[in-house]
């Protein structure tokens, strides 16, 4: 006989992955505070290939409005500056010969709204993933009835999937609400 718990577990894993992905995506959205994760997408040419900035420099945040980048090799200064300028971060780097400094400008009200909308879109994508995981699990459970699983066992498993779904939808809403509050706080 087919084990319905397996379908529930698979759905929960997919929903966990969706929430973790949302958390990661939201951490890349700049909210007015210095966060080294906004530089995760920056790739620097290094010995003929593009590598993440964190592979060629140390990135630190000494205060809430500054990011300091310390290249491991001095000749990389120009390449790092160029990579930051070409990225969609929208911050001009300052170079003193030793380090590269990024001053995080305060966000305008319009920019805050745009970032909040972007966060909402990411949250909606995560909700869609959670709903898809629930739908797939319920379809598998319905098919399992044809393969000999009792209907009451299937209905119990279906309600378990729904409870897990509700928990993850709430987690997505909480992540979005926290990010929106962070963005809109001046």
Protein backbone atom coordinates (compact mmCIF):
# COMPACT_ATOMS: atom_id res chain seq x y z
CA UNK A 1 0.00 0.00 0.00
CA UNK A 2 1.11 3.56 -0.73
CA UNK A 3 2.22 5.67 2.22
CA UNK A 4 0.29 8.97 2.21
CA UNK A 5 2.75 10.51 4.69
CA UNK A 6 5.35 10.52 1.91
CA UNK A 7 3.19 12.87 -0.19
CA UNK A 8 2.60 15.16 2.78
CA UNK A 9 6.35 15.22 3.54
CA UNK A 10 7.24 16.04 -0.09
CA UNK A 11 4.75 18.91 -0.10
CA UNK A 12 6.18 20.25 3.16
CA UNK A 13 9.73 20.14 1.76
CA UNK A 14 8.63 22.08 -1.36
CA UNK A 15 6.84 24.66 0.79
CA UNK A 16 9.89 25.03 3.05
CA UNK A 17 12.05 25.60 -0.03
CA UNK A 18 9.63 28.27 -1.32
CA UNK A 19 9.74 30.14 2.01
CA UNK A 20 13.54 29.90 2.18
CA UNK A 21 13.84 31.19 -1.39
CA UNK A 22 11.56 34.13 -0.56
CA UNK A 23 13.66 34.95 2.50
CA UNK A 24 16.79 34.92 0.33
CA UNK A 25 15.19 37.10 -2.38
CA UNK A 26 13.93 39.64 0.15
CA UNK A 27 17.39 39.93 1.70
CA UNK A 28 18.68 41.18 -1.67
CA UNK A 29 16.21 44.07 -1.77
CA UNK A 30 17.83 47.23 -0.43
CA UNK A 31 15.87 48.78 2.42
CA UNK A 32 17.88 51.90 3.23
CA UNK A 33 20.29 50.09 5.55
CA UNK A 34 23.72 48.78 4.58
CA UNK A 35 23.47 45.06 3.86
CA UNK A 36 26.32 43.15 2.19
CA UNK A 37 23.78 40.84 0.51
CA UNK A 38 22.84 43.57 -1.98
CA UNK A 39 26.25 42.91 -3.56
CA UNK A 40 25.64 39.16 -4.00
CA UNK A 41 24.71 39.61 -7.66
CA UNK A 42 27.86 41.58 -8.53
CA UNK A 43 30.33 39.56 -10.63
CA UNK A 44 33.95 40.66 -11.05
CA UNK A 45 36.28 39.57 -13.89
CA UNK A 46 39.09 37.58 -12.27
CA UNK A 47 41.69 35.68 -14.30
CA UNK A 48 39.42 35.34 -17.30
CA UNK A 49 36.15 34.39 -15.60
CA UNK A 50 33.39 36.21 -13.72
CA UNK A 51 33.34 35.44 -10.00
CA UNK A 52 31.14 36.78 -7.16
CA UNK A 53 32.49 39.87 -5.43
CA UNK A 54 32.75 37.95 -2.13
CA UNK A 55 35.32 35.63 -3.77
CA UNK A 56 37.81 38.45 -4.43
CA UNK A 57 37.19 40.91 -1.58
CA UNK A 58 36.06 41.26 2.00
CA UNK A 59 32.69 43.01 2.33
CA UNK A 60 31.85 44.61 5.70
CA UNK A 61 29.32 47.09 7.09
CA UNK A 62 30.94 49.31 9.74
CA UNK A 63 27.68 51.26 10.22
CA UNK A 64 24.09 51.35 8.95
CA UNK A 65 24.89 53.65 6.02
CA UNK A 66 28.23 52.30 4.71
CA UNK A 67 29.55 49.18 3.02
CA UNK A 68 33.33 48.71 2.88
CA UNK A 69 34.90 46.47 0.22
CA UNK A 70 38.52 45.48 0.77
CA UNK A 71 39.96 43.75 -2.34
CA UNK A 72 42.40 40.93 -1.71
CA UNK A 73 44.55 42.12 -4.62
CA UNK A 74 45.13 45.82 -5.39
CA UNK A 75 44.80 45.48 -9.21
CA UNK A 76 41.19 44.37 -8.72
CA UNK A 77 40.12 47.84 -7.49
CA UNK A 78 39.18 49.09 -10.97
CA UNK A 79 37.40 45.86 -11.91
CA UNK A 80 35.37 45.87 -8.69
CA UNK A 81 34.40 49.52 -9.15
CA UNK A 82 33.40 48.89 -12.76
CA UNK A 83 31.35 45.82 -11.78
CA UNK A 84 29.49 47.81 -9.11
CA UNK A 85 28.84 50.67 -11.55
CA UNK A 86 27.49 48.22 -14.17
CA UNK A 87 25.22 46.43 -11.67
CA UNK A 88 21.67 47.55 -10.88
CA UNK A 89 22.53 48.55 -7.30
CA UNK A 90 22.47 52.25 -8.14
CA UNK A 91 25.28 53.32 -5.79
CA UNK A 92 28.47 55.02 -6.93
CA UNK A 93 31.58 53.55 -5.26
CA UNK A 94 34.28 55.74 -3.69
CA UNK A 95 37.88 54.53 -3.87
CA UNK A 96 40.71 55.76 -1.60
CA UNK A 97 43.39 53.43 -2.98
CA UNK A 98 43.02 50.89 -0.15
CA UNK A 99 39.29 50.23 0.10
CA UNK A 100 36.09 50.88 -1.83
CA UNK A 101 33.36 52.60 0.13
CA UNK A 102 29.66 52.51 -0.76
CA UNK A 103 27.55 55.15 0.94
CA UNK A 104 23.95 53.96 1.14
CA UNK A 105 21.75 56.95 0.28
CA UNK A 106 18.41 57.38 2.05
CA UNK A 107 15.50 56.06 0.00
CA UNK A 108 12.93 58.43 -1.49
CA UNK A 109 9.25 57.77 -0.83
CA UNK A 110 8.75 56.74 -4.46
CA UNK A 111 11.69 54.32 -4.34
CA UNK A 112 10.32 52.83 -1.11
CA UNK A 113 6.99 52.15 -2.83
CA UNK A 114 8.76 50.51 -5.78
CA UNK A 115 10.77 48.27 -3.43
CA UNK A 116 7.61 47.40 -1.46
CA UNK A 117 5.89 46.40 -4.73
CA UNK A 118 8.92 44.32 -5.69
CA UNK A 119 8.79 42.60 -2.29
CA UNK A 120 5.07 41.95 -2.70
CA UNK A 121 5.71 40.35 -6.10
CA UNK A 122 8.35 38.06 -4.58
CA UNK A 123 5.88 37.12 -1.82
CA UNK A 124 3.19 36.35 -4.42
CA UNK A 125 5.62 34.11 -6.32
CA UNK A 126 6.36 32.23 -3.09
CA UNK A 127 2.63 31.82 -2.39
CA UNK A 128 2.15 30.40 -5.89
CA UNK A 129 4.93 27.88 -5.22
CA UNK A 130 3.31 26.89 -1.91
CA UNK A 131 -0.09 26.48 -3.58
CA UNK A 132 1.44 24.41 -6.38
CA UNK A 133 3.07 22.10 -3.83
CA UNK A 134 -0.32 21.67 -2.12
CA UNK A 135 -2.06 20.99 -5.45
CA UNK A 136 0.54 18.39 -6.47
CA UNK A 137 0.26 16.61 -3.12
CA UNK A 138 -3.54 16.53 -3.26
CA UNK A 139 -3.45 15.17 -6.83
CA UNK A 140 -1.06 12.40 -5.74
CA UNK A 141 -3.30 11.59 -2.78
CA UNK A 142 -6.38 11.36 -5.02
CA UNK A 143 -4.49 9.02 -7.37
CA UNK A 144 -3.45 6.89 -4.39
CA UNK A 145 -7.13 6.17 -3.64
CA UNK A 146 -7.31 4.40 -7.00
CA UNK A 147 -4.30 2.34 -5.92
CA UNK A 148 -5.95 1.02 -2.77
CA UNK A 149 -5.58 3.75 -0.13
CA UNK A 150 -8.76 4.12 1.96
CA UNK A 151 -10.66 7.36 1.35
CA UNK A 152 -10.64 8.41 5.00
CA UNK A 153 -6.83 8.07 5.12
CA UNK A 154 -6.61 10.18 1.95
CA UNK A 155 -8.92 12.85 3.43
CA UNK A 156 -6.86 12.97 6.63
CA UNK A 157 -3.66 13.39 4.61
CA UNK A 158 -5.36 16.07 2.52
CA UNK A 159 -6.28 18.02 5.67
CA UNK A 160 -2.67 17.68 6.88
CA UNK A 161 -1.45 19.14 3.58
CA UNK A 162 -3.93 22.01 3.96
CA UNK A 163 -2.72 22.74 7.52
CA UNK A 164 0.90 22.81 6.32
CA UNK A 165 -0.15 25.03 3.39
CA UNK A 166 -1.85 27.49 5.76
CA UNK A 167 1.24 27.57 8.00
CA UNK A 168 3.52 28.40 5.08
CA UNK A 169 1.18 31.01 3.59
CA UNK A 170 1.22 32.70 7.01
CA UNK A 171 5.04 32.50 7.08
CA UNK A 172 5.22 34.11 3.61
CA UNK A 173 2.85 36.87 4.75
CA UNK A 174 4.97 37.43 7.89
CA UNK A 175 8.20 37.64 5.86
CA UNK A 176 6.60 40.13 3.47
CA UNK A 177 5.13 42.23 6.29
CA UNK A 178 8.52 42.42 8.04
CA UNK A 179 10.28 43.43 4.80
CA UNK A 180 7.61 46.01 3.96
CA UNK A 181 7.94 47.51 7.44
CA UNK A 182 11.74 47.60 7.05
CA UNK A 183 11.44 49.32 3.65
CA UNK A 184 8.82 51.87 4.69
CA UNK A 185 10.57 52.82 7.96
CA UNK A 186 12.41 56.08 7.39
